[in-house]
Amino acid sequence: MKKPVEIKARGRGKTFHRSADAAKRRIVDTHEFLLKRHGGWFRPGAHGYTDDLSQAGVFCGKDAKSYLTCEGVSLFPLMGMVPIIAKASREHIQKAANLAKMIENY
């Protein structure tokens, strides 16, 4: 599976701020993004983190831009995440079917 596009500011000090400015120029305000920091997806409204993609929040580009200056934050365009979300969805459906089969005789 192809690795999704990741938008991230890199470096330290002035280099980091120049990198963040360049990354912000790549963001379209009307597009939607998933945000990740240190391995965890931002929950809706940036209220905590989760490792479960199904609990991740979706942020408009305008809001996502404001998080780029936080160290370790990566933005992933939602349209580029569709194959990964589809795979996770299939896995959840299969798990639910397996659980339903386990209890169907009770």
PDB file of N, CA and C in Angstrom:
ATOM      1  N   MET A   1       0.853  -1.181   0.000  1.00  0.00           N
ATOM      2  CA  MET A   1       0.000   0.000   0.000  1.00  0.00           C
ATOM      3  C   MET A   1       0.898   1.244   0.000  1.00  0.00           C
ATOM      4  N   LYS A   2       0.535   2.191  -0.807  1.00  0.00           N
ATOM      5  CA  LYS A   2       1.301   3.424  -0.932  1.00  0.00           C
ATOM      6  C   LYS A   2       1.235   4.244   0.357  1.00  0.00           C
ATOM      7  N   LYS A   3       2.379   4.792   0.750  1.00  0.00           N
ATOM      8  CA  LYS A   3       2.445   5.624   1.957  1.00  0.00           C
ATOM      9  C   LYS A   3       1.690   6.939   1.715  1.00  0.00           C
ATOM     10  N   PRO A   4       0.830   7.357   2.653  1.00  0.00           N
ATOM     11  CA  PRO A   4       0.078   8.603   2.455  1.00  0.00           C
ATOM     12  C   PRO A   4       0.978   9.835   2.509  1.00  0.00           C
ATOM     13  N   VAL A   5       0.526  10.894   1.871  1.00  0.00           N
ATOM     14  CA  VAL A   5       1.240  12.166   1.879  1.00  0.00           C
ATOM     15  C   VAL A   5       1.241  12.715   3.299  1.00  0.00           C
ATOM     16  N   GLU A   6       2.407  13.165   3.735  1.00  0.00           N
ATOM     17  CA  GLU A   6       2.549  13.732   5.072  1.00  0.00           C
ATOM     18  C   GLU A   6       3.095  15.149   4.942  1.00  0.00           C
ATOM     19  N   ILE A   7       2.422  16.090   5.590  1.00  0.00           N
ATOM     20  CA  ILE A   7       2.873  17.483   5.606  1.00  0.00           C
ATOM     21  C   ILE A   7       3.354  17.772   7.020  1.00  0.00           C
ATOM     22  N   LYS A   8       4.625  18.178   7.127  1.00  0.00           N
ATOM     23  CA  LYS A   8       5.213  18.334   8.454  1.00  0.00           C
ATOM     24  C   LYS A   8       6.294  19.408   8.404  1.00  0.00           C
ATOM     25  N   ALA A   9       6.407  20.175   9.480  1.00  0.00           N
ATOM     26  CA  ALA A   9       7.501  21.139   9.624  1.00  0.00           C
ATOM     27  C   ALA A   9       8.677  20.411  10.261  1.00  0.00           C
ATOM     28  N   ARG A  10       9.866  20.663   9.745  1.00  0.00           N
ATOM     29  CA  ARG A  10      11.061  19.983  10.249  1.00  0.00           C
ATOM     30  C   ARG A  10      12.115  21.002  10.654  1.00  0.00           C
ATOM     31  N   GLY A  11      13.080  20.561  11.445  1.00  0.00           N
ATOM     32  CA  GLY A  11      14.182  21.423  11.844  1.00  0.00           C
ATOM     33  C   GLY A  11      13.997  21.988  13.236  1.00  0.00           C
ATOM     34  N   ARG A  12      14.839  22.988  13.536  1.00  0.00           N
ATOM     35  CA  ARG A  12      14.789  23.655  14.843  1.00  0.00           C
ATOM     36  C   ARG A  12      14.922  25.162  14.642  1.00  0.00           C
ATOM     37  N   GLY A  13      14.423  25.902  15.583  1.00  0.00           N
ATOM     38  CA  GLY A  13      14.565  27.352  15.557  1.00  0.00           C
ATOM     39  C   GLY A  13      14.023  27.977  14.283  1.00  0.00           C
ATOM     40  N   LYS A  14      14.832  28.843  13.668  1.00  0.00           N
ATOM     41  CA  LYS A  14      14.402  29.542  12.454  1.00  0.00           C
ATOM     42  C   LYS A  14      14.124  28.570  11.321  1.00  0.00           C
ATOM     43  N   THR A  15      14.903  27.492  11.247  1.00  0.00           N
ATOM     44  CA  THR A  15      14.682  26.486  10.202  1.00  0.00           C
ATOM     45  C   THR A  15      13.296  25.872  10.346  1.00  0.00           C
ATOM     46  N   PHE A  16      12.894  25.582  11.586  1.00  0.00           N
ATOM     47  CA  PHE A  16      11.575  25.003  11.832  1.00  0.00           C
ATOM     48  C   PHE A  16      10.478  25.965  11.381  1.00  0.00           C
ATOM     49  N   HIS A  17      10.614  27.241  11.715  1.00  0.00           N
ATOM     50  CA  HIS A  17       9.579  28.215  11.360  1.00  0.00           C
ATOM     51  C   HIS A  17       9.500  28.418   9.841  1.00  0.00           C
ATOM     52  N   ARG A  18      10.633  28.402   9.160  1.00  0.00           N
ATOM     53  CA  ARG A  18      10.612  28.490   7.689  1.00  0.00           C
ATOM     54  C   ARG A  18       9.959  27.244   7.096  1.00  0.00           C
ATOM     55  N   SER A  19      10.265  26.087   7.667  1.00  0.00           N
ATOM     56  CA  SER A  19       9.672  24.842   7.214  1.00  0.00           C
ATOM     57  C   SER A  19       8.157  24.839   7.449  1.00  0.00           C
ATOM     58  N   ALA A  20       7.721  25.348   8.602  1.00  0.00           N
ATOM     59  CA  ALA A  20       6.289  25.430   8.909  1.00  0.00           C
ATOM     60  C   ALA A  20       5.588  26.368   7.936  1.00  0.00           C
ATOM     61  N   ASP A  21       6.212  27.489   7.611  1.00  0.00           N
ATOM     62  CA  ASP A  21       5.615  28.423   6.643  1.00  0.00           C
ATOM     63  C   ASP A  21       5.475  27.764   5.279  1.00  0.00           C
ATOM     64  N   ALA A  22       6.503  27.018   4.855  1.00  0.00           N
ATOM     65  CA  ALA A  22       6.443  26.316   3.570  1.00  0.00           C
ATOM     66  C   ALA A  22       5.351  25.248   3.585  1.00  0.00           C
ATOM     67  N   ALA A  23       5.231  24.525   4.697  1.00  0.00           N
ATOM     68  CA  ALA A  23       4.201  23.492   4.816  1.00  0.00           C
ATOM     69  C   ALA A  23       2.808  24.109   4.779  1.00  0.00           C
ATOM     70  N   LYS A  24       2.626  25.257   5.420  1.00  0.00           N
ATOM     71  CA  LYS A  24       1.322  25.930   5.426  1.00  0.00           C
ATOM     72  C   LYS A  24       0.887  26.318   4.015  1.00  0.00           C
ATOM     73  N   ARG A  25       1.847  26.660   3.167  1.00  0.00           N
ATOM     74  CA  ARG A  25       1.509  27.033   1.786  1.00  0.00           C
ATOM     75  C   ARG A  25       0.996  25.837   0.979  1.00  0.00           C
ATOM     76  N   ARG A  26       1.286  24.633   1.434  1.00  0.00           N
ATOM     77  CA  ARG A  26       0.814  23.422   0.743  1.00  0.00           C
ATOM     78  C   ARG A  26      -0.617  23.046   1.120  1.00  0.00           C
ATOM     79  N   ILE A  27      -1.177  23.729   2.107  1.00  0.00           N
ATOM     80  CA  ILE A  27      -2.493  23.361   2.636  1.00  0.00           C
ATOM     81  C   ILE A  27      -3.585  24.226   2.017  1.00  0.00           C
ATOM     82  N   VAL A  28      -4.600  23.557   1.502  1.00  0.00           N
ATOM     83  CA  VAL A  28      -5.781  24.245   0.969  1.00  0.00           C
ATOM     84  C   VAL A  28      -6.798  24.322   2.105  1.00  0.00           C
ATOM     85  N   ASP A  29      -7.270  25.533   2.393  1.00  0.00           N
ATOM     86  CA  ASP A  29      -8.169  25.742   3.539  1.00  0.00           C
ATOM     87  C   ASP A  29      -9.420  24.874   3.499  1.00  0.00           C
ATOM     88  N   THR A  30      -9.933  24.586   2.312  1.00  0.00           N
ATOM     89  CA  THR A  30     -11.197  23.841   2.216  1.00  0.00           C
ATOM     90  C   THR A  30     -10.999  22.329   2.226  1.00  0.00           C
ATOM     91  N   HIS A  31      -9.763  21.846   2.145  1.00  0.00           N
ATOM     92  CA  HIS A  31      -9.528  20.407   2.202  1.00  0.00           C
ATOM     93  C   HIS A  31      -9.589  19.927   3.652  1.00  0.00           C
ATOM     94  N   GLU A  32      -9.722  18.625   3.825  1.00  0.00           N
ATOM     95  CA  GLU A  32      -9.815  18.061   5.168  1.00  0.00           C
ATOM     96  C   GLU A  32      -8.572  17.231   5.466  1.00  0.00           C
ATOM     97  N   PHE A  33      -8.189  17.216   6.750  1.00  0.00           N
ATOM     98  CA  PHE A  33      -6.947  16.569   7.170  1.00  0.00           C
ATOM     99  C   PHE A  33      -7.137  15.773   8.450  1.00  0.00           C
ATOM    100  N   LEU A  34      -6.322  14.738   8.592  1.00  0.00           N
ATOM    101  CA  LEU A  34      -6.148  14.039   9.860  1.00  0.00           C
ATOM    102  C   LEU A  34      -4.821  14.522  10.419  1.00  0.00           C
ATOM    103  N   LEU A  35      -4.735  14.692  11.719  1.00  0.00           N
ATOM    104  CA  LEU A  35      -3.515  15.178  12.364  1.00  0.00           C
ATOM    105  C   LEU A  35      -2.954  14.108  13.276  1.00  0.00           C
ATOM    106  N   LYS A  36      -1.629  13.998  13.274  1.00  0.00           N
ATOM    107  CA  LYS A  36      -0.962  12.998  14.090  1.00  0.00           C
ATOM    108  C   LYS A  36       0.212  13.641  14.807  1.00  0.00           C
ATOM    109  N   ARG A  37       0.427  13.225  16.040  1.00  0.00           N
ATOM    110  CA  ARG A  37       1.572  13.727  16.804  1.00  0.00           C
ATOM    111  C   ARG A  37       2.116  12.596  17.665  1.00  0.00           C
ATOM    112  N   HIS A  38       3.390  12.326  17.508  1.00  0.00           N
ATOM    113  CA  HIS A  38       4.075  11.287  18.282  1.00  0.00           C
ATOM    114  C   HIS A  38       3.321   9.957  18.251  1.00  0.00           C
ATOM    115  N   GLY A  39       2.819   9.582  17.089  1.00  0.00           N
ATOM    116  CA  GLY A  39       2.171   8.287  16.918  1.00  0.00           C
ATOM    117  C   GLY A  39       0.690   8.231  17.223  1.00  0.00           C
ATOM    118  N   GLY A  40       0.107   9.313  17.733  1.00  0.00           N
ATOM    119  CA  GLY A  40      -1.319   9.320  18.067  1.00  0.00           C
ATOM    120  C   GLY A  40      -2.093  10.283  17.183  1.00  0.00           C
ATOM    121  N   TRP A  41      -3.267   9.864  16.759  1.00  0.00           N
ATOM    122  CA  TRP A  41      -4.152  10.740  15.978  1.00  0.00           C
ATOM    123  C   TRP A  41      -4.842  11.721  16.910  1.00  0.00           C
ATOM    124  N   PHE A  42      -5.003  12.960  16.467  1.00  0.00           N
ATOM    125  CA  PHE A  42      -5.775  13.935  17.238  1.00  0.00           C
ATOM    126  C   PHE A  42      -7.233  13.483  17.233  1.00  0.00           C
ATOM    127  N   ARG A  43      -7.869  13.560  18.384  1.00  0.00           N
ATOM    128  CA  ARG A  43      -9.311  13.306  18.477  1.00  0.00           C
ATOM    129  C   ARG A  43     -10.058  14.545  17.966  1.00  0.00           C
ATOM    130  N   PRO A  44     -11.365  14.438  17.733  1.00  0.00           N
ATOM    131  CA  PRO A  44     -12.124  15.615  17.285  1.00  0.00           C
ATOM    132  C   PRO A  44     -11.909  16.804  18.227  1.00  0.00           C
ATOM    133  N   GLY A  45     -11.737  17.967  17.652  1.00  0.00           N
ATOM    134  CA  GLY A  45     -11.516  19.174  18.427  1.00  0.00           C
ATOM    135  C   GLY A  45     -10.159  19.211  19.106  1.00  0.00           C
ATOM    136  N   ALA A  46      -9.275  18.306  18.730  1.00  0.00           N
ATOM    137  CA  ALA A  46      -7.930  18.190  19.321  1.00  0.00           C
ATOM    138  C   ALA A  46      -8.009  17.940  20.830  1.00  0.00           C
ATOM    139  N   HIS A  47      -9.021  17.167  21.227  1.00  0.00           N
ATOM    140  CA  HIS A  47      -9.188  16.823  22.642  1.00  0.00           C
ATOM    141  C   HIS A  47      -8.553  15.463  22.909  1.00  0.00           C
ATOM    142  N   GLY A  48      -7.235  15.454  22.985  1.00  0.00           N
ATOM    143  CA  GLY A  48      -6.506  14.227  23.263  1.00  0.00           C
ATOM    144  C   GLY A  48      -6.094  13.490  22.004  1.00  0.00           C
ATOM    145  N   TYR A  49      -5.495  12.333  22.216  1.00  0.00           N
ATOM    146  CA  TYR A  49      -4.967  11.517  21.126  1.00  0.00           C
ATOM    147  C   TYR A  49      -5.558  10.116  21.200  1.00  0.00           C
ATOM    148  N   THR A  50      -5.498   9.409  20.074  1.00  0.00           N
ATOM    149  CA  THR A  50      -5.944   8.030  20.016  1.00  0.00           C
ATOM    150  C   THR A  50      -5.081   7.275  19.019  1.00  0.00           C
ATOM    151  N   ASP A  51      -4.906   5.987  19.250  1.00  0.00           N
ATOM    152  CA  ASP A  51      -4.210   5.173  18.257  1.00  0.00           C
ATOM    153  C   ASP A  51      -5.206   4.482  17.333  1.00  0.00           C
ATOM    154  N   ASP A  52      -6.494   4.697  17.590  1.00  0.00           N
ATOM    155  CA  ASP A  52      -7.572   4.113  16.789  1.00  0.00           C
ATOM    156  C   ASP A  52      -8.000   5.122  15.727  1.00  0.00           C
ATOM    157  N   LEU A  53      -7.705   4.814  14.479  1.00  0.00           N
ATOM    158  CA  LEU A  53      -8.021   5.717  13.370  1.00  0.00           C
ATOM    159  C   LEU A  53      -9.514   6.052  13.306  1.00  0.00           C
ATOM    160  N   SER A  54     -10.364   5.113  13.727  1.00  0.00           N
ATOM    161  CA  SER A  54     -11.813   5.364  13.669  1.00  0.00           C
ATOM    162  C   SER A  54     -12.261   6.439  14.658  1.00  0.00           C
ATOM    163  N   GLN A  55     -11.414   6.780  15.627  1.00  0.00           N
ATOM    164  CA  GLN A  55     -11.741   7.812  16.607  1.00  0.00           C
ATOM    165  C   GLN A  55     -11.044   9.142  16.324  1.00  0.00           C
ATOM    166  N   ALA A  56     -10.315   9.198  15.210  1.00  0.00           N
ATOM    167  CA  ALA A  56      -9.579  10.416  14.862  1.00  0.00           C
ATOM    168  C   ALA A  56     -10.532  11.519  14.406  1.00  0.00           C
ATOM    169  N   GLY A  57     -10.156  12.742  14.690  1.00  0.00           N
ATOM    170  CA  GLY A  57     -10.925  13.888  14.239  1.00  0.00           C
ATOM    171  C   GLY A  57     -10.508  14.301  12.829  1.00  0.00           C
ATOM    172  N   VAL A  58     -11.420  14.934  12.136  1.00  0.00           N
ATOM    173  CA  VAL A  58     -11.155  15.466  10.796  1.00  0.00           C
ATOM    174  C   VAL A  58     -11.151  16.982  10.911  1.00  0.00           C
ATOM    175  N   PHE A  59     -10.093  17.606  10.403  1.00  0.00           N
ATOM    176  CA  PHE A  59      -9.900  19.050  10.542  1.00  0.00           C
ATOM    177  C   PHE A  59      -9.859  19.718   9.173  1.00  0.00           C
ATOM    178  N   CYS A  60     -10.515  20.864   9.051  1.00  0.00           N
ATOM    179  CA  CYS A  60     -10.427  21.623   7.806  1.00  0.00           C
ATOM    180  C   CYS A  60      -9.013  22.200   7.704  1.00  0.00           C
ATOM    181  N   GLY A  61      -8.601  22.510   6.497  1.00  0.00           N
ATOM    182  CA  GLY A  61      -7.249  23.016   6.269  1.00  0.00           C
ATOM    183  C   GLY A  61      -6.920  24.238   7.094  1.00  0.00           C
ATOM    184  N   LYS A  62      -7.880  25.138   7.206  1.00  0.00           N
ATOM    185  CA  LYS A  62      -7.653  26.366   7.970  1.00  0.00           C
ATOM    186  C   LYS A  62      -7.295  26.055   9.418  1.00  0.00           C
ATOM    187  N   ASP A  63      -8.026  25.117  10.039  1.00  0.00           N
ATOM    188  CA  ASP A  63      -7.734  24.739  11.423  1.00  0.00           C
ATOM    189  C   ASP A  63      -6.439  23.928  11.512  1.00  0.00           C
ATOM    190  N   ALA A  64      -6.219  23.044  10.551  1.00  0.00           N
ATOM    191  CA  ALA A  64      -5.031  22.182  10.565  1.00  0.00           C
ATOM    192  C   ALA A  64      -3.747  23.011  10.506  1.00  0.00           C
ATOM    193  N   LYS A  65      -3.759  24.092   9.751  1.00  0.00           N
ATOM    194  CA  LYS A  65      -2.576  24.954   9.634  1.00  0.00           C
ATOM    195  C   LYS A  65      -2.078  25.423  10.996  1.00  0.00           C
ATOM    196  N   SER A  66      -2.996  25.721  11.885  1.00  0.00           N
ATOM    197  CA  SER A  66      -2.614  26.280  13.182  1.00  0.00           C
ATOM    198  C   SER A  66      -1.830  25.284  14.042  1.00  0.00           C
ATOM    199  N   TYR A  67      -1.912  23.995  13.732  1.00  0.00           N
ATOM    200  CA  TYR A  67      -1.203  22.991  14.520  1.00  0.00           C
ATOM    201  C   TYR A  67       0.195  22.689  13.985  1.00  0.00           C
ATOM    202  N   LEU A  68       0.518  23.189  12.801  1.00  0.00           N
ATOM    203  CA  LEU A  68       1.820  22.892  12.200  1.00  0.00           C
ATOM    204  C   LEU A  68       3.004  23.432  12.994  1.00  0.00           C
ATOM    205  N   THR A  69       2.792  24.460  13.781  1.00  0.00           N
ATOM    206  CA  THR A  69       3.901  25.017  14.555  1.00  0.00           C
ATOM    207  C   THR A  69       4.145  24.262  15.857  1.00  0.00           C
ATOM    208  N   CYS A  70       3.324  23.258  16.144  1.00  0.00           N
ATOM    209  CA  CYS A  70       3.553  22.393  17.308  1.00  0.00           C
ATOM    210  C   CYS A  70       4.557  21.321  16.916  1.00  0.00           C
ATOM    211  N   GLU A  71       5.560  21.122  17.735  1.00  0.00           N
ATOM    212  CA  GLU A  71       6.600  20.138  17.450  1.00  0.00           C
ATOM    213  C   GLU A  71       5.993  18.743  17.288  1.00  0.00           C
ATOM    214  N   GLY A  72       6.410  18.048  16.240  1.00  0.00           N
ATOM    215  CA  GLY A  72       5.997  16.666  16.035  1.00  0.00           C
ATOM    216  C   GLY A  72       4.660  16.455  15.361  1.00  0.00           C
ATOM    217  N   VAL A  73       3.978  17.513  14.929  1.00  0.00           N
ATOM    218  CA  VAL A  73       2.664  17.372  14.302  1.00  0.00           C
ATOM    219  C   VAL A  73       2.823  17.128  12.803  1.00  0.00           C
ATOM    220  N   SER A  74       2.077  16.135  12.314  1.00  0.00           N
ATOM    221  CA  SER A  74       2.016  15.833  10.884  1.00  0.00           C
ATOM    222  C   SER A  74       0.572  15.918  10.430  1.00  0.00           C
ATOM    223  N   LEU A  75       0.363  16.449   9.238  1.00  0.00           N
ATOM    224  CA  LEU A  75      -0.968  16.534   8.651  1.00  0.00           C
ATOM    225  C   LEU A  75      -1.052  15.545   7.498  1.00  0.00           C
ATOM    226  N   PHE A  76      -2.174  14.851   7.405  1.00  0.00           N
ATOM    227  CA  PHE A  76      -2.399  13.887   6.339  1.00  0.00           C
ATOM    228  C   PHE A  76      -3.688  14.268   5.622  1.00  0.00           C
ATOM    229  N   PRO A  77      -3.608  14.622   4.328  1.00  0.00           N
ATOM    230  CA  PRO A  77      -4.829  14.944   3.586  1.00  0.00           C
ATOM    231  C   PRO A  77      -5.786  13.748   3.621  1.00  0.00           C
ATOM    232  N   LEU A  78      -7.034  13.990   3.959  1.00  0.00           N
ATOM    233  CA  LEU A  78      -8.018  12.922   4.092  1.00  0.00           C
ATOM    234  C   LEU A  78      -8.166  12.134   2.798  1.00  0.00           C
ATOM    235  N   MET A  79      -8.142  12.830   1.653  1.00  0.00           N
ATOM    236  CA  MET A  79      -8.338  12.123   0.382  1.00  0.00           C
ATOM    237  C   MET A  79      -7.201  11.130   0.127  1.00  0.00           C
ATOM    238  N   GLY A  80      -6.016  11.376   0.661  1.00  0.00           N
ATOM    239  CA  GLY A  80      -4.914  10.446   0.515  1.00  0.00           C
ATOM    240  C   GLY A  80      -4.963   9.288   1.490  1.00  0.00           C
ATOM    241  N   MET A  81      -5.811   9.396   2.486  1.00  0.00           N
ATOM    242  CA  MET A  81      -5.936   8.359   3.509  1.00  0.00           C
ATOM    243  C   MET A  81      -7.029   7.335   3.184  1.00  0.00           C
ATOM    244  N   VAL A  82      -7.764   7.556   2.096  1.00  0.00           N
ATOM    245  CA  VAL A  82      -8.894   6.686   1.769  1.00  0.00           C
ATOM    246  C   VAL A  82      -8.505   5.208   1.712  1.00  0.00           C
ATOM    247  N   PRO A  83      -7.409   4.818   1.050  1.00  0.00           N
ATOM    248  CA  PRO A  83      -7.077   3.381   1.034  1.00  0.00           C
ATOM    249  C   PRO A  83      -6.809   2.812   2.439  1.00  0.00           C
ATOM    250  N   ILE A  84      -6.171   3.575   3.292  1.00  0.00           N
ATOM    251  CA  ILE A  84      -5.882   3.117   4.649  1.00  0.00           C
ATOM    252  C   ILE A  84      -7.164   3.018   5.463  1.00  0.00           C
ATOM    253  N   ILE A  85      -8.050   4.007   5.308  1.00  0.00           N
ATOM    254  CA  ILE A  85      -9.334   3.979   6.019  1.00  0.00           C
ATOM    255  C   ILE A  85     -10.181   2.819   5.526  1.00  0.00           C
ATOM    256  N   ALA A  86     -10.182   2.571   4.216  1.00  0.00           N
ATOM    257  CA  ALA A  86     -10.958   1.455   3.653  1.00  0.00           C
ATOM    258  C   ALA A  86     -10.454   0.123   4.194  1.00  0.00           C
ATOM    259  N   LYS A  87      -9.133  -0.034   4.286  1.00  0.00           N
ATOM    260  CA  LYS A  87      -8.549  -1.271   4.827  1.00  0.00           C
ATOM    261  C   LYS A  87      -8.945  -1.448   6.293  1.00  0.00           C
ATOM    262  N   ALA A  88      -8.847  -0.389   7.078  1.00  0.00           N
ATOM    263  CA  ALA A  88      -9.232  -0.456   8.493  1.00  0.00           C
ATOM    264  C   ALA A  88     -10.713  -0.796   8.629  1.00  0.00           C
ATOM    265  N   SER A  89     -11.540  -0.234   7.747  1.00  0.00           N
ATOM    266  CA  SER A  89     -12.971  -0.501   7.773  1.00  0.00           C
ATOM    267  C   SER A  89     -13.252  -1.983   7.504  1.00  0.00           C
ATOM    268  N   ARG A  90     -12.582  -2.542   6.504  1.00  0.00           N
ATOM    269  CA  ARG A  90     -12.762  -3.974   6.202  1.00  0.00           C
ATOM    270  C   ARG A  90     -12.347  -4.835   7.391  1.00  0.00           C
ATOM    271  N   GLU A  91     -11.259  -4.458   8.040  1.00  0.00           N
ATOM    272  CA  GLU A  91     -10.804  -5.222   9.197  1.00  0.00           C
ATOM    273  C   GLU A  91     -11.808  -5.158  10.343  1.00  0.00           C
ATOM    274  N   HIS A  92     -12.394  -3.990  10.582  1.00  0.00           N
ATOM    275  CA  HIS A  92     -13.399  -3.841  11.645  1.00  0.00           C
ATOM    276  C   HIS A  92     -14.655  -4.642  11.318  1.00  0.00           C
ATOM    277  N   ILE A  93     -15.063  -4.645  10.051  1.00  0.00           N
ATOM    278  CA  ILE A  93     -16.245  -5.417   9.639  1.00  0.00           C
ATOM    279  C   ILE A  93     -16.002  -6.901   9.865  1.00  0.00           C
ATOM    280  N   GLN A  94     -14.804  -7.369   9.524  1.00  0.00           N
ATOM    281  CA  GLN A  94     -14.475  -8.781   9.721  1.00  0.00           C
ATOM    282  C   GLN A  94     -14.456  -9.134  11.201  1.00  0.00           C
ATOM    283  N   LYS A  95     -13.889  -8.266  12.030  1.00  0.00           N
ATOM    284  CA  LYS A  95     -13.865  -8.515  13.476  1.00  0.00           C
ATOM    285  C   LYS A  95     -15.284  -8.578  14.035  1.00  0.00           C
ATOM    286  N   ALA A  96     -16.151  -7.666  13.588  1.00  0.00           N
ATOM    287  CA  ALA A  96     -17.541  -7.657  14.054  1.00  0.00           C
ATOM    288  C   ALA A  96     -18.253  -8.937  13.632  1.00  0.00           C
ATOM    289  N   ALA A  97     -18.013  -9.398  12.422  1.00  0.00           N
ATOM    290  CA  ALA A  97     -18.632 -10.640  11.948  1.00  0.00           C
ATOM    291  C   ALA A  97     -18.156 -11.830  12.770  1.00  0.00           C
ATOM    292  N   ASN A  98     -16.878 -11.858  13.079  1.00  0.00           N
ATOM    293  CA  ASN A  98     -16.333 -12.948  13.907  1.00  0.00           C
ATOM    294  C   ASN A  98     -16.961 -12.947  15.295  1.00  0.00           C
ATOM    295  N   LEU A  99     -17.117 -11.760  15.892  1.00  0.00           N
ATOM    296  CA  LEU A  99     -17.740 -11.663  17.216  1.00  0.00           C
ATOM    297  C   LEU A  99     -19.203 -12.088  17.167  1.00  0.00           C
ATOM    298  N   ALA A 100     -19.917 -11.667  16.141  1.00  0.00           N
ATOM    299  CA  ALA A 100     -21.329 -12.042  16.002  1.00  0.00           C
ATOM    300  C   ALA A 100     -21.474 -13.560  15.856  1.00  0.00           C
ATOM    301  N   LYS A 101     -20.572 -14.150  15.124  1.00  0.00           N
ATOM    302  CA  LYS A 101     -20.609 -15.614  14.932  1.00  0.00           C
ATOM    303  C   LYS A 101     -20.365 -16.340  16.257  1.00  0.00           C
ATOM    304  N   MET A 102     -19.467 -15.770  17.082  1.00  0.00           N
ATOM    305  CA  MET A 102     -19.176 -16.394  18.368  1.00  0.00           C
ATOM    306  C   MET A 102     -20.386 -16.442  19.280  1.00  0.00           C
ATOM    307  N   ILE A 103     -21.266 -15.451  19.206  1.00  0.00           N
ATOM    308  CA  ILE A 103     -22.393 -15.380  20.145  1.00  0.00           C
ATOM    309  C   ILE A 103     -23.730 -15.781  19.526  1.00  0.00           C
ATOM    310  N   GLU A 104     -23.762 -16.184  18.257  1.00  0.00           N
ATOM    311  CA  GLU A 104     -25.043 -16.435  17.606  1.00  0.00           C
ATOM    312  C   GLU A 104     -25.794 -17.617  18.215  1.00  0.00           C
ATOM    313  N   ASN A 105     -25.148 -18.516  18.891  1.00  0.00           N
ATOM    314  CA  ASN A 105     -25.821 -19.670  19.501  1.00  0.00           C
ATOM    315  C   ASN A 105     -26.257 -19.428  20.927  1.00  0.00           C
ATOM    316  N   TYR A 106     -26.062 -18.227  21.457  1.00  0.00           N
ATOM    317  CA  TYR A 106     -26.450 -17.941  22.853  1.00  0.00           C
ATOM    318  C   TYR A 106     -27.706 -17.166  22.930  1.00  0.00           C
TER     319      TYR A 106
END
